């Protein structure tokens, strides 16, 4: 019974993703993750460069 409920949930989620709004939400989530990763990478690069410049 639990498996059937889970399958139904996955089905409805896939239908939600197929609809326009669901797809845009999905893309927004991925973009937000990429932006966060980019910001972290930029901060790490700045710290690394600062360490090289200051020599410690």
PDB file of N, CA and C in Angstrom:
ATOM      1  N   UNK A   1       0.837  -1.204   0.000  1.00  0.00           N
ATOM      2  CA  UNK A   1       0.000   0.000   0.000  1.00  0.00           C
ATOM      3  C   UNK A   1       0.873   1.256   0.000  1.00  0.00           C
ATOM      4  N   UNK A   2       1.951   1.216   0.777  1.00  0.00           N
ATOM      5  CA  UNK A   2       2.844   2.364   0.857  1.00  0.00           C
ATOM      6  C   UNK A   2       3.505   2.646  -0.490  1.00  0.00           C
ATOM      7  N   UNK A   3       3.900   1.569  -1.180  1.00  0.00           N
ATOM      8  CA  UNK A   3       4.565   1.710  -2.480  1.00  0.00           C
ATOM      9  C   UNK A   3       3.626   2.373  -3.486  1.00  0.00           C
ATOM     10  N   UNK A   4       2.360   1.959  -3.466  1.00  0.00           N
ATOM     11  CA  UNK A   4       1.377   2.546  -4.387  1.00  0.00           C
ATOM     12  C   UNK A   4       1.237   4.038  -4.128  1.00  0.00           C
ATOM     13  N   UNK A   5       1.190   4.411  -2.845  1.00  0.00           N
ATOM     14  CA  UNK A   5       1.066   5.824  -2.482  1.00  0.00           C
ATOM     15  C   UNK A   5       2.287   6.596  -2.971  1.00  0.00           C
ATOM     16  N   UNK A   6       3.482   6.018  -2.781  1.00  0.00           N
ATOM     17  CA  UNK A   6       4.714   6.662  -3.217  1.00  0.00           C
ATOM     18  C   UNK A   6       4.729   6.825  -4.732  1.00  0.00           C
ATOM     19  N   UNK A   7       4.290   5.769  -5.454  1.00  0.00           N
ATOM     20  CA  UNK A   7       4.245   5.821  -6.917  1.00  0.00           C
ATOM     21  C   UNK A   7       3.307   6.932  -7.370  1.00  0.00           C
ATOM     22  N   UNK A   8       2.164   7.048  -6.707  1.00  0.00           N
ATOM     23  CA  UNK A   8       1.199   8.095  -7.040  1.00  0.00           C
ATOM     24  C   UNK A   8       1.809   9.473  -6.817  1.00  0.00           C
ATOM     25  N   UNK A   9       2.588   9.615  -5.733  1.00  0.00           N
ATOM     26  CA  UNK A   9       3.240  10.885  -5.427  1.00  0.00           C
ATOM     27  C   UNK A   9       4.246  11.251  -6.526  1.00  0.00           C
ATOM     28  N   UNK A  10       5.037  10.262  -6.949  1.00  0.00           N
ATOM     29  CA  UNK A  10       6.024  10.501  -8.014  1.00  0.00           C
ATOM     30  C   UNK A  10       5.317  10.894  -9.306  1.00  0.00           C
ATOM     31  N   UNK A  11       4.221  10.190  -9.632  1.00  0.00           N
ATOM     32  CA  UNK A  11       3.441  10.487 -10.833  1.00  0.00           C
ATOM     33  C   UNK A  11       2.954  11.934 -10.791  1.00  0.00           C
ATOM     34  N   UNK A  12       2.378  12.343  -9.669  1.00  0.00           N
ATOM     35  CA  UNK A  12       1.832  13.701  -9.580  1.00  0.00           C
ATOM     36  C   UNK A  12       2.955  14.729  -9.650  1.00  0.00           C
ATOM     37  N   UNK A  13       4.119  14.401  -9.083  1.00  0.00           N
ATOM     38  CA  UNK A  13       5.246  15.334  -9.142  1.00  0.00           C
ATOM     39  C   UNK A  13       5.727  15.481 -10.587  1.00  0.00           C
ATOM     40  N   UNK A  14       5.752  14.376 -11.320  1.00  0.00           N
ATOM     41  CA  UNK A  14       6.163  14.441 -12.735  1.00  0.00           C
ATOM     42  C   UNK A  14       5.174  15.268 -13.539  1.00  0.00           C
ATOM     43  N   UNK A  15       3.889  15.108 -13.261  1.00  0.00           N
ATOM     44  CA  UNK A  15       2.881  15.920 -13.951  1.00  0.00           C
ATOM     45  C   UNK A  15       3.088  17.396 -13.623  1.00  0.00           C
ATOM     46  N   UNK A  16       3.440  17.666 -12.359  1.00  0.00           N
ATOM     47  CA  UNK A  16       3.679  19.040 -11.926  1.00  0.00           C
ATOM     48  C   UNK A  16       4.874  19.630 -12.673  1.00  0.00           C
ATOM     49  N   UNK A  17       5.934  18.826 -12.842  1.00  0.00           N
ATOM     50  CA  UNK A  17       7.105  19.302 -13.564  1.00  0.00           C
ATOM     51  C   UNK A  17       6.782  19.542 -15.038  1.00  0.00           C
ATOM     52  N   UNK A  18       5.887  18.721 -15.602  1.00  0.00           N
ATOM     53  CA  UNK A  18       5.536  18.883 -17.011  1.00  0.00           C
ATOM     54  C   UNK A  18       4.753  20.166 -17.241  1.00  0.00           C
ATOM     55  N   UNK A  19       3.979  20.584 -16.224  1.00  0.00           N
ATOM     56  CA  UNK A  19       3.254  21.844 -16.359  1.00  0.00           C
ATOM     57  C   UNK A  19       4.273  22.989 -16.338  1.00  0.00           C
ATOM     58  N   UNK A  20       3.885  24.118 -16.918  1.00  0.00           N
ATOM     59  CA  UNK A  20       4.806  25.247 -17.063  1.00  0.00           C
ATOM     60  C   UNK A  20       5.374  25.699 -15.723  1.00  0.00           C
ATOM     61  N   UNK A  21       4.485  25.958 -14.761  1.00  0.00           N
ATOM     62  CA  UNK A  21       4.922  26.516 -13.481  1.00  0.00           C
ATOM     63  C   UNK A  21       5.894  25.576 -12.780  1.00  0.00           C
ATOM     64  N   UNK A  22       5.596  24.287 -12.789  1.00  0.00           N
ATOM     65  CA  UNK A  22       6.467  23.323 -12.133  1.00  0.00           C
ATOM     66  C   UNK A  22       7.859  23.331 -12.742  1.00  0.00           C
ATOM     67  N   UNK A  23       7.914  23.396 -14.081  1.00  0.00           N
ATOM     68  CA  UNK A  23       9.207  23.400 -14.761  1.00  0.00           C
ATOM     69  C   UNK A  23      10.001  24.640 -14.390  1.00  0.00           C
ATOM     70  N   UNK A  24       9.331  25.797 -14.342  1.00  0.00           N
ATOM     71  CA  UNK A  24      10.030  27.031 -13.991  1.00  0.00           C
ATOM     72  C   UNK A  24      10.542  26.978 -12.560  1.00  0.00           C
ATOM     73  N   UNK A  25       9.748  26.405 -11.648  1.00  0.00           N
ATOM     74  CA  UNK A  25      10.197  26.260 -10.260  1.00  0.00           C
ATOM     75  C   UNK A  25      11.453  25.394 -10.209  1.00  0.00           C
ATOM     76  N   UNK A  26      11.435  24.316 -10.985  1.00  0.00           N
ATOM     77  CA  UNK A  26      12.565  23.382 -11.027  1.00  0.00           C
ATOM     78  C   UNK A  26      13.826  24.097 -11.521  1.00  0.00           C
ATOM     79  N   UNK A  27      13.683  24.857 -12.611  1.00  0.00           N
ATOM     80  CA  UNK A  27      14.818  25.586 -13.185  1.00  0.00           C
ATOM     81  C   UNK A  27      15.311  26.640 -12.206  1.00  0.00           C
ATOM     82  N   UNK A  28      14.387  27.329 -11.539  1.00  0.00           N
ATOM     83  CA  UNK A  28      14.781  28.343 -10.557  1.00  0.00           C
ATOM     84  C   UNK A  28      15.609  27.728  -9.441  1.00  0.00           C
ATOM     85  N   UNK A  29      15.198  26.550  -8.984  1.00  0.00           N
ATOM     86  CA  UNK A  29      15.925  25.871  -7.913  1.00  0.00           C
ATOM     87  C   UNK A  29      17.347  25.562  -8.352  1.00  0.00           C
ATOM     88  N   UNK A  30      17.497  25.030  -9.568  1.00  0.00           N
ATOM     89  CA  UNK A  30      18.824  24.683 -10.081  1.00  0.00           C
ATOM     90  C   UNK A  30      19.672  25.946 -10.243  1.00  0.00           C
ATOM     91  N   UNK A  31      19.055  27.023 -10.764  1.00  0.00           N
ATOM     92  CA  UNK A  31      19.791  28.272 -10.932  1.00  0.00           C
ATOM     93  C   UNK A  31      20.264  28.811  -9.589  1.00  0.00           C
ATOM     94  N   UNK A  32      19.408  28.740  -8.578  1.00  0.00           N
ATOM     95  CA  UNK A  32      19.785  29.226  -7.254  1.00  0.00           C
ATOM     96  C   UNK A  32      20.973  28.432  -6.715  1.00  0.00           C
ATOM     97  N   UNK A  33      20.945  27.102  -6.908  1.00  0.00           N
ATOM     98  CA  UNK A  33      22.058  26.264  -6.452  1.00  0.00           C
ATOM     99  C   UNK A  33      23.342  26.628  -7.184  1.00  0.00           C
ATOM    100  N   UNK A  34      23.246  26.827  -8.505  1.00  0.00           N
ATOM    101  CA  UNK A  34      24.432  27.170  -9.289  1.00  0.00           C
ATOM    102  C   UNK A  34      25.001  28.515  -8.854  1.00  0.00           C
ATOM    103  N   UNK A  35      24.111  29.486  -8.600  1.00  0.00           N
ATOM    104  CA  UNK A  35      24.562  30.814  -8.173  1.00  0.00           C
ATOM    105  C   UNK A  35      25.276  30.718  -6.826  1.00  0.00           C
ATOM    106  N   UNK A  36      24.697  29.939  -5.904  1.00  0.00           N
ATOM    107  CA  UNK A  36      25.331  29.766  -4.594  1.00  0.00           C
ATOM    108  C   UNK A  36      26.709  29.133  -4.734  1.00  0.00           C
ATOM    109  N   UNK A  37      26.810  28.107  -5.593  1.00  0.00           N
ATOM    110  CA  UNK A  37      28.099  27.446  -5.812  1.00  0.00           C
ATOM    111  C   UNK A  37      29.092  28.428  -6.426  1.00  0.00           C
ATOM    112  N   UNK A  38      28.619  29.249  -7.365  1.00  0.00           N
ATOM    113  CA  UNK A  38      29.471  30.243  -8.004  1.00  0.00           C
ATOM    114  C   UNK A  38      30.000  31.265  -7.010  1.00  0.00           C
ATOM    115  N   UNK A  39      29.105  31.724  -6.121  1.00  0.00           N
ATOM    116  CA  UNK A  39      29.511  32.708  -5.112  1.00  0.00           C
ATOM    117  C   UNK A  39      30.562  32.097  -4.181  1.00  0.00           C
ATOM    118  N   UNK A  40      30.334  30.842  -3.768  1.00  0.00           N
ATOM    119  CA  UNK A  40      31.293  30.179  -2.887  1.00  0.00           C
ATOM    120  C   UNK A  40      32.638  30.007  -3.582  1.00  0.00           C
ATOM    121  N   UNK A  41      32.608  29.618  -4.852  1.00  0.00           N
ATOM    122  CA  UNK A  41      33.844  29.428  -5.605  1.00  0.00           C
ATOM    123  C   UNK A  41      34.591  30.760  -5.752  1.00  0.00           C
ATOM    124  N   UNK A  42      33.843  31.839  -6.019  1.00  0.00           N
ATOM    125  CA  UNK A  42      34.461  33.157  -6.163  1.00  0.00           C
ATOM    126  C   UNK A  42      35.103  33.591  -4.850  1.00  0.00           C
ATOM    127  N   UNK A  43      34.417  33.360  -3.733  1.00  0.00           N
ATOM    128  CA  UNK A  43      34.957  33.727  -2.425  1.00  0.00           C
ATOM    129  C   UNK A  43      36.233  32.934  -2.145  1.00  0.00           C
ATOM    130  N   UNK A  44      36.206  31.634  -2.462  1.00  0.00           N
ATOM    131  CA  UNK A  44      37.383  30.789  -2.246  1.00  0.00           C
ATOM    132  C   UNK A  44      38.547  31.280  -3.106  1.00  0.00           C
ATOM    133  N   UNK A  45      38.270  31.647  -4.354  1.00  0.00           N
ATOM    134  CA  UNK A  45      39.315  32.136  -5.256  1.00  0.00           C
ATOM    135  C   UNK A  45      39.903  33.448  -4.729  1.00  0.00           C
ATOM    136  N   UNK A  46      39.034  34.342  -4.245  1.00  0.00           N
ATOM    137  CA  UNK A  46      39.515  35.622  -3.697  1.00  0.00           C
ATOM    138  C   UNK A  46      40.425  35.381  -2.497  1.00  0.00           C
ATOM    139  N   UNK A  47      40.013  34.485  -1.613  1.00  0.00           N
ATOM    140  CA  UNK A  47      40.834  34.181  -0.435  1.00  0.00           C
ATOM    141  C   UNK A  47      42.176  33.600  -0.864  1.00  0.00           C
ATOM    142  N   UNK A  48      42.147  32.711  -1.853  1.00  0.00           N
ATOM    143  CA  UNK A  48      43.370  32.075  -2.329  1.00  0.00           C
ATOM    144  C   UNK A  48      44.328  33.116  -2.916  1.00  0.00           C
ATOM    145  N   UNK A  49      43.776  34.010  -3.739  1.00  0.00           N
ATOM    146  CA  UNK A  49      44.605  35.057  -4.358  1.00  0.00           C
ATOM    147  C   UNK A  49      45.165  35.989  -3.285  1.00  0.00           C
ATOM    148  N   UNK A  50      44.323  36.347  -2.312  1.00  0.00           N
ATOM    149  CA  UNK A  50      44.786  37.218  -1.229  1.00  0.00           C
ATOM    150  C   UNK A  50      45.925  36.558  -0.466  1.00  0.00           C
ATOM    151  N   UNK A  51      45.817  35.249  -0.228  1.00  0.00           N
ATOM    152  CA  UNK A  51      46.885  34.528   0.469  1.00  0.00           C
ATOM    153  C   UNK A  51      48.180  34.545  -0.340  1.00  0.00           C
ATOM    154  N   UNK A  52      48.049  34.380  -1.662  1.00  0.00           N
ATOM    155  CA  UNK A  52      49.248  34.413  -2.501  1.00  0.00           C
ATOM    156  C   UNK A  52      49.884  35.799  -2.490  1.00  0.00           C
ATOM    157  N   UNK A  53      49.046  36.841  -2.573  1.00  0.00           N
ATOM    158  CA  UNK A  53      49.548  38.211  -2.620  1.00  0.00           C
ATOM    159  C   UNK A  53      50.259  38.576  -1.313  1.00  0.00           C
ATOM    160  N   UNK A  54      49.603  38.220  -0.188  1.00  0.00           N
ATOM    161  CA  UNK A  54      50.156  38.600   1.115  1.00  0.00           C
ATOM    162  C   UNK A  54      51.237  37.632   1.580  1.00  0.00           C
ATOM    163  N   UNK A  55      51.273  36.451   0.952  1.00  0.00           N
ATOM    164  CA  UNK A  55      52.350  35.510   1.225  1.00  0.00           C
ATOM    165  C   UNK A  55      52.270  34.815   2.572  1.00  0.00           C
ATOM    166  N   UNK A  56      51.056  34.394   2.979  1.00  0.00           N
ATOM    167  CA  UNK A  56      50.967  33.571   4.195  1.00  0.00           C
ATOM    168  C   UNK A  56      50.044  32.391   3.996  1.00  0.00           C
TER     169      UNK A  56
END
